Amino acid sequence: MSKLYIVPTPIGNLEDMTIRAIRILKEVDLILAEDTRTSGKLLKHFEIGTHMHSHHMHNEHKTIENLISRLKAGDTIALISDAGTPAISDPGFLLTRACVEHGITVECLPGATAFVPALVNSGLPNDKFVFEGFLPDKKGKQTRYLALAEETRTMILYVSPHKLLKTLTEFITYFGEDRPICVSRELSKLHEENIRGTVREVLTHFENKPPKGEIVVIVGGKPSK
């Protein structure tokens, strides 16, 4: 029976791979991987011999038609990203939408997603929040910041390590230096770090200790008057 499985993979610690995810990856006809070299290490670790095809942001528009044809013919396909849950700031949405439009079953397994542990361990309100992912590099960034400056819910952002200091400086401009934030780095890995404080305090920390690794930033919402 044709089906697209969305399969989360560990964001760092291989022990976070679920038993069900391993079984699905062994049973499907094809695995779509963001980077076959990165995913190849994961599959080798869990002794998964299923054939892989590359599926990433630069080729996903071109491969969808062929993948839909394979699924309609009865194949089962699993989609994975380099880390975490596909389609969350990673490729996956376009293929999922195409499957839904063609009446092909889509099943997403629960599993690792970086922003959830970062939000929960930040100590900031998590009853209501907004996920922003990566902010625009240039075009539209100021407009986005002006909107976020009025956001009262806790905000979640992904930030590249080489852009963190600049981003924190922009936070001071738009949110003020006293806005509470938490920067989570290398979640689930040996050197996991969660730095909490005001924007100014966290900026000072990383000015003295240059950031490395995968980063999630949690920003407190605008205080109610």
N, C-alpha and C. Protein backbone atom coordinates (compact mmCIF):
# COMPACT_ATOMS: atom_id res chain seq x y z
N MET A 1 0.84 -1.20 0.00
CA MET A 1 0.00 0.00 0.00
C MET A 1 0.88 1.25 0.00
N SER A 2 0.64 2.14 -0.93
CA SER A 2 1.48 3.33 -1.05
C SER A 2 1.29 4.25 0.15
N LYS A 3 2.39 4.82 0.59
CA LYS A 3 2.33 5.75 1.72
C LYS A 3 3.64 6.52 1.81
N LEU A 4 3.52 7.80 2.18
CA LEU A 4 4.70 8.60 2.49
C LEU A 4 4.82 8.70 3.99
N TYR A 5 5.96 8.26 4.52
CA TYR A 5 6.25 8.38 5.94
C TYR A 5 7.18 9.57 6.16
N ILE A 6 6.82 10.45 7.08
CA ILE A 6 7.70 11.53 7.51
C ILE A 6 8.38 11.04 8.79
N VAL A 7 9.69 10.85 8.74
CA VAL A 7 10.39 10.19 9.84
C VAL A 7 11.42 11.13 10.48
N PRO A 8 11.17 11.56 11.71
CA PRO A 8 12.16 12.39 12.42
C PRO A 8 13.42 11.58 12.74
N THR A 9 14.56 12.26 12.72
CA THR A 9 15.82 11.63 13.10
C THR A 9 16.45 12.44 14.23
N PRO A 10 17.37 11.87 14.99
CA PRO A 10 17.96 12.57 16.14
C PRO A 10 18.59 13.90 15.77
N ILE A 11 18.47 14.87 16.67
CA ILE A 11 19.10 16.17 16.45
C ILE A 11 20.54 16.18 16.93
N GLY A 12 20.99 15.07 17.49
CA GLY A 12 22.37 14.98 17.96
C GLY A 12 22.67 13.65 18.61
N ASN A 13 21.84 13.27 19.57
CA ASN A 13 22.06 12.04 20.32
C ASN A 13 21.35 10.87 19.62
N LEU A 14 22.11 9.90 19.16
CA LEU A 14 21.53 8.78 18.41
C LEU A 14 20.57 7.94 19.25
N GLU A 15 20.66 8.04 20.57
CA GLU A 15 19.74 7.29 21.42
C GLU A 15 18.31 7.81 21.31
N ASP A 16 18.12 8.97 20.67
CA ASP A 16 16.78 9.52 20.51
C ASP A 16 16.06 8.96 19.29
N MET A 17 16.68 8.09 18.54
CA MET A 17 16.03 7.41 17.41
C MET A 17 15.03 6.41 17.97
N THR A 18 13.79 6.45 17.49
CA THR A 18 12.77 5.56 18.03
C THR A 18 12.82 4.18 17.36
N ILE A 19 12.32 3.18 18.08
CA ILE A 19 12.26 1.82 17.54
C ILE A 19 11.39 1.78 16.30
N ARG A 20 10.28 2.52 16.34
CA ARG A 20 9.37 2.55 15.20
C ARG A 20 10.03 3.18 13.98
N ALA A 21 10.78 4.25 14.18
CA ALA A 21 11.46 4.91 13.07
C ALA A 21 12.44 3.96 12.40
N ILE A 22 13.18 3.20 13.18
CA ILE A 22 14.13 2.23 12.63
C ILE A 22 13.40 1.18 11.80
N ARG A 23 12.29 0.69 12.33
CA ARG A 23 11.52 -0.34 11.61
C ARG A 23 10.99 0.19 10.28
N ILE A 24 10.42 1.41 10.30
CA ILE A 24 9.87 1.98 9.07
C ILE A 24 10.96 2.16 8.03
N LEU A 25 12.11 2.67 8.44
CA LEU A 25 13.20 2.91 7.49
C LEU A 25 13.72 1.60 6.89
N LYS A 26 13.60 0.51 7.62
CA LYS A 26 14.02 -0.79 7.09
C LYS A 26 12.97 -1.37 6.14
N GLU A 27 11.70 -1.01 6.34
CA GLU A 27 10.62 -1.64 5.58
C GLU A 27 10.26 -0.93 4.28
N VAL A 28 10.48 0.39 4.20
CA VAL A 28 10.04 1.13 3.02
C VAL A 28 10.87 0.76 1.78
N ASP A 29 10.34 1.13 0.62
CA ASP A 29 11.03 0.84 -0.64
C ASP A 29 12.14 1.86 -0.92
N LEU A 30 12.00 3.07 -0.38
CA LEU A 30 12.95 4.13 -0.68
C LEU A 30 13.00 5.13 0.46
N ILE A 31 14.19 5.64 0.74
CA ILE A 31 14.37 6.72 1.72
C ILE A 31 14.83 7.96 0.99
N LEU A 32 14.14 9.07 1.20
CA LEU A 32 14.55 10.36 0.66
C LEU A 32 15.32 11.09 1.75
N ALA A 33 16.55 11.47 1.45
CA ALA A 33 17.42 12.09 2.45
C ALA A 33 17.89 13.45 1.99
N GLU A 34 17.95 14.40 2.92
CA GLU A 34 18.41 15.75 2.60
C GLU A 34 19.86 15.72 2.12
N ASP A 35 20.70 14.98 2.82
CA ASP A 35 22.09 14.78 2.45
C ASP A 35 22.40 13.29 2.65
N THR A 36 22.59 12.56 1.56
CA THR A 36 22.77 11.11 1.67
C THR A 36 24.05 10.74 2.42
N ARG A 37 25.04 11.64 2.42
CA ARG A 37 26.28 11.35 3.17
C ARG A 37 26.02 11.40 4.66
N THR A 38 25.29 12.45 5.10
CA THR A 38 24.96 12.57 6.52
C THR A 38 24.05 11.43 6.96
N SER A 39 22.99 11.19 6.20
CA SER A 39 22.03 10.15 6.56
C SER A 39 22.64 8.76 6.43
N GLY A 40 23.62 8.61 5.55
CA GLY A 40 24.28 7.31 5.40
C GLY A 40 24.93 6.84 6.69
N LYS A 41 25.48 7.77 7.45
CA LYS A 41 26.09 7.42 8.73
C LYS A 41 25.03 6.92 9.72
N LEU A 42 23.85 7.59 9.70
CA LEU A 42 22.76 7.19 10.58
C LEU A 42 22.26 5.79 10.21
N LEU A 43 22.05 5.57 8.92
CA LEU A 43 21.53 4.27 8.48
C LEU A 43 22.54 3.15 8.77
N LYS A 44 23.82 3.43 8.58
CA LYS A 44 24.84 2.42 8.88
C LYS A 44 24.84 2.07 10.36
N HIS A 45 24.68 3.09 11.22
CA HIS A 45 24.68 2.86 12.66
C HIS A 45 23.56 1.90 13.08
N PHE A 46 22.40 2.05 12.44
CA PHE A 46 21.25 1.22 12.80
C PHE A 46 21.05 0.04 11.83
N GLU A 47 22.06 -0.23 11.02
CA GLU A 47 22.06 -1.36 10.10
C GLU A 47 20.83 -1.36 9.20
N ILE A 48 20.58 -0.19 8.60
CA ILE A 48 19.46 -0.02 7.67
C ILE A 48 20.03 0.01 6.25
N GLY A 49 19.59 -0.94 5.43
CA GLY A 49 20.16 -1.07 4.09
C GLY A 49 19.29 -0.55 2.97
N THR A 50 18.20 0.14 3.30
CA THR A 50 17.27 0.65 2.30
C THR A 50 17.94 1.68 1.39
N HIS A 51 17.59 1.63 0.10
CA HIS A 51 18.19 2.54 -0.88
C HIS A 51 17.76 3.97 -0.59
N MET A 52 18.69 4.92 -0.81
CA MET A 52 18.42 6.34 -0.58
C MET A 52 18.47 7.13 -1.88
N HIS A 53 17.64 8.18 -1.96
CA HIS A 53 17.74 9.19 -3.00
C HIS A 53 17.90 10.54 -2.33
N SER A 54 18.60 11.45 -2.99
CA SER A 54 18.76 12.80 -2.47
C SER A 54 17.49 13.63 -2.70
N HIS A 55 17.03 14.31 -1.66
CA HIS A 55 15.83 15.15 -1.75
C HIS A 55 16.07 16.38 -0.88
N HIS A 56 16.37 17.52 -1.52
CA HIS A 56 16.71 18.71 -0.76
C HIS A 56 16.10 19.94 -1.42
N MET A 57 16.33 21.11 -0.84
CA MET A 57 15.65 22.33 -1.29
C MET A 57 16.01 22.72 -2.73
N HIS A 58 17.14 22.23 -3.23
CA HIS A 58 17.56 22.61 -4.57
C HIS A 58 16.99 21.71 -5.67
N ASN A 59 16.47 20.53 -5.28
CA ASN A 59 15.95 19.64 -6.33
C ASN A 59 14.51 19.17 -6.08
N GLU A 60 13.92 19.55 -4.94
CA GLU A 60 12.61 18.99 -4.59
C GLU A 60 11.53 19.34 -5.61
N HIS A 61 11.60 20.51 -6.23
CA HIS A 61 10.60 20.87 -7.24
C HIS A 61 10.67 19.93 -8.45
N LYS A 62 11.87 19.46 -8.78
CA LYS A 62 12.07 18.63 -9.96
C LYS A 62 11.74 17.17 -9.73
N THR A 63 11.81 16.72 -8.48
CA THR A 63 11.65 15.29 -8.20
C THR A 63 10.25 14.88 -7.80
N ILE A 64 9.41 15.84 -7.46
CA ILE A 64 8.08 15.52 -6.92
C ILE A 64 7.24 14.69 -7.88
N GLU A 65 7.22 15.06 -9.15
CA GLU A 65 6.38 14.35 -10.12
C GLU A 65 6.73 12.86 -10.19
N ASN A 66 8.02 12.57 -10.22
CA ASN A 66 8.47 11.18 -10.27
C ASN A 66 8.13 10.44 -8.98
N LEU A 67 8.29 11.12 -7.86
CA LEU A 67 7.98 10.49 -6.57
C LEU A 67 6.49 10.18 -6.44
N ILE A 68 5.65 11.10 -6.90
CA ILE A 68 4.21 10.86 -6.87
C ILE A 68 3.86 9.66 -7.74
N SER A 69 4.51 9.54 -8.89
CA SER A 69 4.26 8.39 -9.77
C SER A 69 4.64 7.09 -9.09
N ARG A 70 5.75 7.08 -8.38
CA ARG A 70 6.18 5.87 -7.66
C ARG A 70 5.20 5.52 -6.55
N LEU A 71 4.75 6.53 -5.84
CA LEU A 71 3.80 6.29 -4.76
C LEU A 71 2.48 5.76 -5.32
N LYS A 72 2.01 6.32 -6.41
CA LYS A 72 0.76 5.85 -7.02
C LYS A 72 0.89 4.41 -7.52
N ALA A 73 2.12 4.02 -7.87
CA ALA A 73 2.36 2.66 -8.35
C ALA A 73 2.45 1.66 -7.20
N GLY A 74 2.41 2.16 -5.95
CA GLY A 74 2.39 1.27 -4.81
C GLY A 74 3.60 1.29 -3.92
N ASP A 75 4.59 2.11 -4.24
CA ASP A 75 5.79 2.17 -3.39
C ASP A 75 5.49 2.83 -2.06
N THR A 76 6.28 2.48 -1.05
CA THR A 76 6.27 3.20 0.22
C THR A 76 7.59 3.96 0.31
N ILE A 77 7.50 5.22 0.74
CA ILE A 77 8.67 6.09 0.77
C ILE A 77 8.76 6.77 2.13
N ALA A 78 9.97 6.86 2.66
CA ALA A 78 10.21 7.59 3.91
C ALA A 78 11.03 8.83 3.62
N LEU A 79 10.64 9.94 4.20
CA LEU A 79 11.37 11.19 4.05
C LEU A 79 12.06 11.53 5.36
N ILE A 80 13.38 11.76 5.31
CA ILE A 80 14.12 12.17 6.50
C ILE A 80 14.93 13.43 6.15
N SER A 81 15.30 14.18 7.17
CA SER A 81 16.19 15.33 6.98
C SER A 81 17.50 15.03 7.71
N ASP A 82 18.43 15.95 7.65
CA ASP A 82 19.72 15.72 8.31
C ASP A 82 19.54 15.53 9.82
N ALA A 83 18.58 16.23 10.39
CA ALA A 83 18.32 16.12 11.83
C ALA A 83 16.94 16.69 12.13
N GLY A 84 16.23 16.04 13.05
CA GLY A 84 14.92 16.55 13.44
C GLY A 84 13.80 16.09 12.53
N THR A 85 12.69 16.81 12.58
CA THR A 85 11.50 16.46 11.81
C THR A 85 11.48 17.16 10.47
N PRO A 86 11.38 16.42 9.36
CA PRO A 86 11.31 17.04 8.04
C PRO A 86 10.17 18.06 7.96
N ALA A 87 10.37 19.07 7.10
CA ALA A 87 9.40 20.14 6.83
C ALA A 87 9.40 21.23 7.88
N ILE A 88 10.10 21.04 9.01
CA ILE A 88 10.26 22.10 9.99
C ILE A 88 11.58 22.81 9.68
N SER A 89 11.51 23.90 8.91
CA SER A 89 12.70 24.60 8.41
C SER A 89 13.61 23.67 7.61
N ASP A 90 13.04 22.64 7.01
CA ASP A 90 13.75 21.68 6.16
C ASP A 90 12.81 21.27 5.03
N PRO A 91 13.33 20.64 3.97
CA PRO A 91 12.45 20.18 2.89
C PRO A 91 11.41 19.19 3.40
N GLY A 92 10.26 19.16 2.74
CA GLY A 92 9.22 18.21 3.13
C GLY A 92 7.81 18.69 2.83
N PHE A 93 7.60 19.99 2.95
CA PHE A 93 6.25 20.53 2.76
C PHE A 93 5.73 20.29 1.35
N LEU A 94 6.55 20.55 0.34
CA LEU A 94 6.08 20.44 -1.05
C LEU A 94 5.65 19.01 -1.38
N LEU A 95 6.43 18.03 -0.96
CA LEU A 95 6.09 16.63 -1.24
C LEU A 95 4.85 16.22 -0.44
N THR A 96 4.78 16.65 0.81
CA THR A 96 3.61 16.32 1.63
C THR A 96 2.34 16.89 1.00
N ARG A 97 2.39 18.14 0.56
CA ARG A 97 1.23 18.78 -0.06
C ARG A 97 0.83 18.05 -1.34
N ALA A 98 1.82 17.66 -2.13
CA ALA A 98 1.52 16.95 -3.37
C ALA A 98 0.84 15.61 -3.09
N CYS A 99 1.29 14.91 -2.05
CA CYS A 99 0.66 13.64 -1.68
C CYS A 99 -0.79 13.85 -1.27
N VAL A 100 -1.03 14.87 -0.47
CA VAL A 100 -2.39 15.18 -0.03
C VAL A 100 -3.27 15.49 -1.23
N GLU A 101 -2.76 16.26 -2.17
CA GLU A 101 -3.53 16.63 -3.36
C GLU A 101 -3.86 15.42 -4.23
N HIS A 102 -2.99 14.40 -4.22
CA HIS A 102 -3.20 13.21 -5.04
C HIS A 102 -3.85 12.06 -4.26
N GLY A 103 -4.26 12.34 -3.04
CA GLY A 103 -4.94 11.31 -2.26
C GLY A 103 -4.03 10.21 -1.75
N ILE A 104 -2.74 10.48 -1.63
CA ILE A 104 -1.77 9.51 -1.12
C ILE A 104 -1.64 9.68 0.39
N THR A 105 -1.67 8.58 1.11
CA THR A 105 -1.60 8.63 2.57
C THR A 105 -0.26 9.17 3.04
N VAL A 106 -0.31 10.08 3.99
CA VAL A 106 0.89 10.63 4.62
C VAL A 106 0.82 10.33 6.12
N GLU A 107 1.90 9.79 6.65
CA GLU A 107 1.95 9.49 8.09
C GLU A 107 3.24 10.07 8.67
N CYS A 108 3.10 10.96 9.63
CA CYS A 108 4.26 11.57 10.28
C CYS A 108 4.50 10.93 11.63
N LEU A 109 5.67 10.35 11.83
CA LEU A 109 6.02 9.75 13.11
C LEU A 109 6.40 10.84 14.10
N PRO A 110 6.09 10.66 15.39
CA PRO A 110 6.57 11.61 16.39
C PRO A 110 8.06 11.40 16.62
N GLY A 111 8.73 12.49 16.98
CA GLY A 111 10.16 12.34 17.23
C GLY A 111 10.84 13.67 17.47
N ALA A 112 12.14 13.68 17.29
CA ALA A 112 12.96 14.83 17.66
C ALA A 112 12.64 16.06 16.83
N THR A 113 12.51 17.21 17.51
CA THR A 113 12.40 18.53 16.91
C THR A 113 13.09 19.49 17.85
N ALA A 114 14.06 20.25 17.36
CA ALA A 114 14.92 21.03 18.24
C ALA A 114 14.18 22.08 19.05
N PHE A 115 13.14 22.70 18.48
CA PHE A 115 12.55 23.84 19.18
C PHE A 115 11.74 23.43 20.41
N VAL A 116 11.27 22.18 20.47
CA VAL A 116 10.44 21.77 21.62
C VAL A 116 11.25 21.73 22.92
N PRO A 117 12.37 20.99 22.99
CA PRO A 117 13.16 21.04 24.24
C PRO A 117 13.70 22.42 24.55
N ALA A 118 14.05 23.20 23.51
CA ALA A 118 14.55 24.55 23.74
C ALA A 118 13.48 25.41 24.40
N LEU A 119 12.25 25.31 23.93
CA LEU A 119 11.15 26.07 24.50
C LEU A 119 10.87 25.64 25.93
N VAL A 120 10.77 24.34 26.14
CA VAL A 120 10.39 23.83 27.47
C VAL A 120 11.44 24.17 28.52
N ASN A 121 12.74 24.03 28.18
CA ASN A 121 13.75 24.27 29.21
C ASN A 121 14.18 25.73 29.32
N SER A 122 13.58 26.61 28.51
CA SER A 122 13.94 28.04 28.56
C SER A 122 13.47 28.71 29.85
N GLY A 123 12.39 28.20 30.44
CA GLY A 123 11.81 28.85 31.60
C GLY A 123 10.89 30.00 31.24
N LEU A 124 10.69 30.23 29.94
CA LEU A 124 9.78 31.28 29.47
C LEU A 124 8.40 30.69 29.23
N PRO A 125 7.34 31.49 29.26
CA PRO A 125 5.99 30.96 29.10
C PRO A 125 5.85 30.14 27.81
N ASN A 126 5.27 28.95 27.93
CA ASN A 126 5.10 28.10 26.76
C ASN A 126 3.66 27.65 26.53
N ASP A 127 2.71 28.32 27.22
CA ASP A 127 1.31 28.00 26.98
C ASP A 127 0.85 28.53 25.63
N LYS A 128 1.48 29.62 25.18
CA LYS A 128 1.24 30.17 23.85
C LYS A 128 2.59 30.61 23.28
N PHE A 129 2.85 30.24 22.03
CA PHE A 129 4.13 30.62 21.42
C PHE A 129 3.98 30.68 19.91
N VAL A 130 4.97 31.30 19.26
CA VAL A 130 4.98 31.40 17.81
C VAL A 130 6.34 30.95 17.30
N PHE A 131 6.33 30.09 16.28
CA PHE A 131 7.57 29.57 15.71
C PHE A 131 7.90 30.38 14.46
N GLU A 132 9.04 31.06 14.47
CA GLU A 132 9.46 31.90 13.36
C GLU A 132 10.50 31.24 12.46
N GLY A 133 11.16 30.19 12.94
CA GLY A 133 12.21 29.57 12.14
C GLY A 133 13.35 30.54 11.90
N PHE A 134 13.90 30.54 10.68
CA PHE A 134 14.97 31.46 10.31
C PHE A 134 14.37 32.77 9.82
N LEU A 135 14.85 33.90 10.33
CA LEU A 135 14.40 35.20 9.85
C LEU A 135 14.99 35.47 8.46
N PRO A 136 14.34 36.32 7.67
CA PRO A 136 14.89 36.67 6.35
C PRO A 136 16.28 37.27 6.49
N ASP A 137 17.15 37.01 5.52
CA ASP A 137 18.51 37.55 5.57
C ASP A 137 18.52 39.06 5.40
N LYS A 138 17.83 39.55 4.39
CA LYS A 138 17.83 40.99 4.11
C LYS A 138 16.42 41.49 3.83
N LYS A 139 15.88 41.15 2.68
CA LYS A 139 14.57 41.63 2.28
C LYS A 139 13.50 41.15 3.24
N GLY A 140 12.79 42.09 3.82
CA GLY A 140 11.70 41.74 4.72
C GLY A 140 12.09 41.58 6.18
N LYS A 141 13.39 41.65 6.48
CA LYS A 141 13.82 41.43 7.88
C LYS A 141 13.30 42.53 8.80
N GLN A 142 13.45 43.80 8.40
CA GLN A 142 13.01 44.90 9.25
C GLN A 142 11.50 44.83 9.48
N THR A 143 10.75 44.54 8.43
CA THR A 143 9.30 44.41 8.56
C THR A 143 8.94 43.32 9.55
N ARG A 144 9.67 42.19 9.47
CA ARG A 144 9.40 41.07 10.38
C ARG A 144 9.73 41.46 11.82
N TYR A 145 10.85 42.14 12.01
CA TYR A 145 11.23 42.57 13.35
C TYR A 145 10.19 43.53 13.95
N LEU A 146 9.70 44.46 13.15
CA LEU A 146 8.71 45.41 13.64
C LEU A 146 7.44 44.70 14.09
N ALA A 147 7.07 43.65 13.37
CA ALA A 147 5.89 42.87 13.76
C ALA A 147 6.17 42.07 15.04
N LEU A 148 7.34 41.47 15.11
CA LEU A 148 7.70 40.66 16.29
C LEU A 148 7.85 41.52 17.54
N ALA A 149 8.22 42.78 17.37
CA ALA A 149 8.38 43.67 18.52
C ALA A 149 7.07 43.85 19.27
N GLU A 150 5.94 43.62 18.59
CA GLU A 150 4.62 43.75 19.20
C GLU A 150 4.03 42.40 19.62
N GLU A 151 4.76 41.31 19.33
CA GLU A 151 4.28 39.96 19.63
C GLU A 151 4.30 39.71 21.14
N THR A 152 3.17 39.30 21.70
CA THR A 152 3.09 39.06 23.15
C THR A 152 3.37 37.60 23.52
N ARG A 153 3.34 36.71 22.54
CA ARG A 153 3.64 35.30 22.80
C ARG A 153 5.15 35.06 22.78
N THR A 154 5.58 34.00 23.42
CA THR A 154 6.98 33.60 23.36
C THR A 154 7.34 33.25 21.92
N MET A 155 8.51 33.69 21.48
CA MET A 155 8.94 33.50 20.09
C MET A 155 10.10 32.51 20.00
N ILE A 156 10.07 31.68 18.96
CA ILE A 156 11.10 30.67 18.73
C ILE A 156 11.77 30.96 17.40
N LEU A 157 13.10 31.06 17.41
CA LEU A 157 13.85 31.33 16.19
C LEU A 157 15.03 30.38 16.07
N TYR A 158 15.35 30.01 14.84
CA TYR A 158 16.58 29.30 14.54
C TYR A 158 17.60 30.33 14.05
N VAL A 159 18.82 30.25 14.57
CA VAL A 159 19.86 31.21 14.21
C VAL A 159 21.17 30.47 13.96
N SER A 160 21.81 30.79 12.85
CA SER A 160 23.12 30.21 12.56
C SER A 160 24.15 30.78 13.54
N PRO A 161 25.12 29.97 13.97
CA PRO A 161 26.08 30.46 14.97
C PRO A 161 26.84 31.71 14.52
N HIS A 162 27.17 31.81 13.22
CA HIS A 162 27.92 32.98 12.77
C HIS A 162 27.07 34.24 12.67
N LYS A 163 25.75 34.08 12.85
CA LYS A 163 24.86 35.24 12.82
C LYS A 163 24.31 35.59 14.21
N LEU A 164 24.69 34.81 15.23
CA LEU A 164 24.07 34.99 16.54
C LEU A 164 24.36 36.37 17.13
N LEU A 165 25.61 36.81 17.13
CA LEU A 165 25.94 38.10 17.73
C LEU A 165 25.20 39.24 17.04
N LYS A 166 25.15 39.21 15.72
CA LYS A 166 24.43 40.23 14.97
C LYS A 166 22.94 40.19 15.30
N THR A 167 22.40 38.98 15.40
CA THR A 167 20.97 38.83 15.71
C THR A 167 20.65 39.36 17.10
N LEU A 168 21.49 39.06 18.09
CA LEU A 168 21.26 39.56 19.44
C LEU A 168 21.35 41.08 19.49
N THR A 169 22.26 41.65 18.70
CA THR A 169 22.35 43.12 18.61
C THR A 169 21.08 43.70 18.00
N GLU A 170 20.52 43.03 17.02
CA GLU A 170 19.25 43.46 16.42
C GLU A 170 18.11 43.33 17.41
N PHE A 171 18.17 42.31 18.26
CA PHE A 171 17.16 42.16 19.31
C PHE A 171 17.13 43.41 20.20
N ILE A 172 18.31 43.90 20.56
CA ILE A 172 18.38 45.09 21.42
C ILE A 172 17.71 46.27 20.73
N THR A 173 17.93 46.39 19.44
CA THR A 173 17.35 47.50 18.67
C THR A 173 15.82 47.43 18.66
N TYR A 174 15.29 46.23 18.44
CA TYR A 174 13.84 46.10 18.24
C TYR A 174 13.07 45.67 19.49
N PHE A 175 13.71 44.91 20.38
CA PHE A 175 13.01 44.39 21.56
C PHE A 175 13.44 45.07 22.86
N GLY A 176 14.60 45.71 22.83
CA GLY A 176 15.16 46.29 24.04
C GLY A 176 16.13 45.34 24.71
N GLU A 177 17.09 45.88 25.44
CA GLU A 177 18.15 45.04 26.01
C GLU A 177 17.70 44.22 27.21
N ASP A 178 16.53 44.53 27.78
CA ASP A 178 16.08 43.81 28.97
C ASP A 178 15.11 42.68 28.67
N ARG A 179 14.81 42.43 27.40
CA ARG A 179 13.87 41.35 27.06
C ARG A 179 14.49 40.01 27.44
N PRO A 180 13.76 39.14 28.15
CA PRO A 180 14.33 37.83 28.54
C PRO A 180 14.43 36.89 27.35
N ILE A 181 15.55 36.18 27.26
CA ILE A 181 15.75 35.21 26.20
C ILE A 181 16.49 33.99 26.74
N CYS A 182 16.50 32.94 25.93
CA CYS A 182 17.31 31.76 26.24
C CYS A 182 17.91 31.26 24.93
N VAL A 183 19.20 31.08 24.90
CA VAL A 183 19.87 30.53 23.73
C VAL A 183 20.27 29.09 24.05
N SER A 184 19.69 28.14 23.30
CA SER A 184 20.01 26.72 23.48
C SER A 184 20.96 26.29 22.37
N ARG A 185 22.02 25.64 22.77
CA ARG A 185 23.07 25.26 21.82
C ARG A 185 23.40 23.79 21.96
N GLU A 186 23.53 23.10 20.82
CA GLU A 186 23.93 21.70 20.80
C GLU A 186 22.99 20.82 21.65
N LEU A 187 21.70 21.00 21.49
CA LEU A 187 20.72 20.24 22.25
C LEU A 187 20.90 18.74 22.05
N SER A 188 20.81 18.00 23.13
CA SER A 188 20.91 16.54 23.21
C SER A 188 22.33 16.01 23.05
N LYS A 189 23.28 16.90 22.78
CA LYS A 189 24.66 16.48 22.58
C LYS A 189 25.47 16.64 23.87
N LEU A 190 26.71 16.19 23.84
CA LEU A 190 27.56 16.19 25.03
C LEU A 190 27.75 17.58 25.60
N HIS A 191 27.89 18.60 24.73
CA HIS A 191 28.16 19.96 25.19
C HIS A 191 26.91 20.85 25.12
N GLU A 192 25.74 20.27 25.40
CA GLU A 192 24.51 21.06 25.42
C GLU A 192 24.64 22.23 26.39
N GLU A 193 24.12 23.38 25.96
CA GLU A 193 24.23 24.59 26.78
C GLU A 193 22.96 25.42 26.60
N ASN A 194 22.42 25.91 27.71
CA ASN A 194 21.25 26.78 27.69
C ASN A 194 21.61 28.06 28.46
N ILE A 195 21.75 29.16 27.74
CA ILE A 195 22.15 30.41 28.36
C ILE A 195 20.92 31.30 28.48
N ARG A 196 20.53 31.61 29.72
CA ARG A 196 19.32 32.39 29.99
C ARG A 196 19.69 33.75 30.56
N GLY A 197 18.87 34.75 30.29
CA GLY A 197 19.10 36.08 30.83
C GLY A 197 18.45 37.12 29.95
N THR A 198 18.83 38.38 30.16
CA THR A 198 18.35 39.44 29.28
C THR A 198 19.14 39.38 27.97
N VAL A 199 18.64 40.07 26.95
CA VAL A 199 19.36 40.10 25.68
C VAL A 199 20.79 40.61 25.89
N ARG A 200 20.93 41.66 26.68
CA ARG A 200 22.26 42.24 26.93
C ARG A 200 23.17 41.23 27.62
N GLU A 201 22.67 40.53 28.61
CA GLU A 201 23.48 39.56 29.35
C GLU A 201 23.92 38.41 28.45
N VAL A 202 23.01 37.92 27.64
CA VAL A 202 23.33 36.79 26.76
C VAL A 202 24.30 37.23 25.66
N LEU A 203 24.13 38.45 25.15
CA LEU A 203 25.06 38.98 24.15
C LEU A 203 26.46 39.06 24.73
N THR A 204 26.58 39.56 25.96
CA THR A 204 27.89 39.65 26.61
C THR A 204 28.53 38.29 26.76
N HIS A 205 27.72 37.31 27.12
CA HIS A 205 28.24 35.93 27.27
C HIS A 205 28.87 35.45 25.98
N PHE A 206 28.16 35.61 24.86
CA PHE A 206 28.66 35.06 23.60
C PHE A 206 29.71 35.96 22.94
N GLU A 207 29.82 37.21 23.37
CA GLU A 207 30.95 38.03 22.93
C GLU A 207 32.24 37.50 23.52
N ASN A 208 32.15 36.93 24.71
CA ASN A 208 33.32 36.37 25.39
C ASN A 208 33.55 34.90 25.06
N LYS A 209 32.49 34.25 24.55
CA LYS A 209 32.58 32.82 24.21
C LYS A 209 31.88 32.61 22.87
N PRO A 210 32.62 32.70 21.77
CA PRO A 210 32.01 32.60 20.43
C PRO A 210 31.15 31.34 20.29
N PRO A 211 29.91 31.50 19.77
CA PRO A 211 28.98 30.36 19.69
C PRO A 211 29.37 29.37 18.60
N LYS A 212 29.08 28.10 18.87
CA LYS A 212 29.29 27.03 17.90
C LYS A 212 28.07 26.09 17.93
N GLY A 213 27.89 25.36 16.85
CA GLY A 213 26.85 24.33 16.82
C GLY A 213 25.47 24.85 16.45
N GLU A 214 24.50 23.94 16.51
CA GLU A 214 23.12 24.27 16.19
C GLU A 214 22.51 25.11 17.32
N ILE A 215 21.76 26.16 16.95
CA ILE A 215 21.26 27.11 17.95
C ILE A 215 19.77 27.36 17.78
N VAL A 216 19.06 27.36 18.91
CA VAL A 216 17.66 27.77 18.97
C VAL A 216 17.56 28.91 19.97
N VAL A 217 16.89 29.98 19.59
CA VAL A 217 16.74 31.13 20.47
C VAL A 217 15.27 31.29 20.85
N ILE A 218 15.01 31.38 22.15
CA ILE A 218 13.66 31.59 22.68
C ILE A 218 13.60 33.01 23.23
N VAL A 219 12.63 33.78 22.76
CA VAL A 219 12.50 35.20 23.14
C VAL A 219 11.17 35.43 23.83
N GLY A 220 11.22 36.04 25.01
CA GLY A 220 9.98 36.37 25.71
C GLY A 220 9.16 37.38 24.93
N GLY A 221 7.84 37.26 24.99
CA GLY A 221 6.98 38.19 24.27
C GLY A 221 6.96 39.57 24.91
N LYS A 222 6.37 40.52 24.20
CA LYS A 222 6.27 41.88 24.71
C LYS A 222 5.42 41.89 25.97
N PRO A 223 5.92 42.47 27.06
CA PRO A 223 5.16 42.49 28.31
C PRO A 223 3.85 43.27 28.13
N SER A 224 2.80 42.78 28.76
CA SER A 224 1.52 43.49 28.70
C SER A 224 1.58 44.70 29.62
N LYS A 225 0.97 45.79 29.21
CA LYS A 225 1.02 47.01 30.01
C LYS A 225 0.05 46.91 31.18
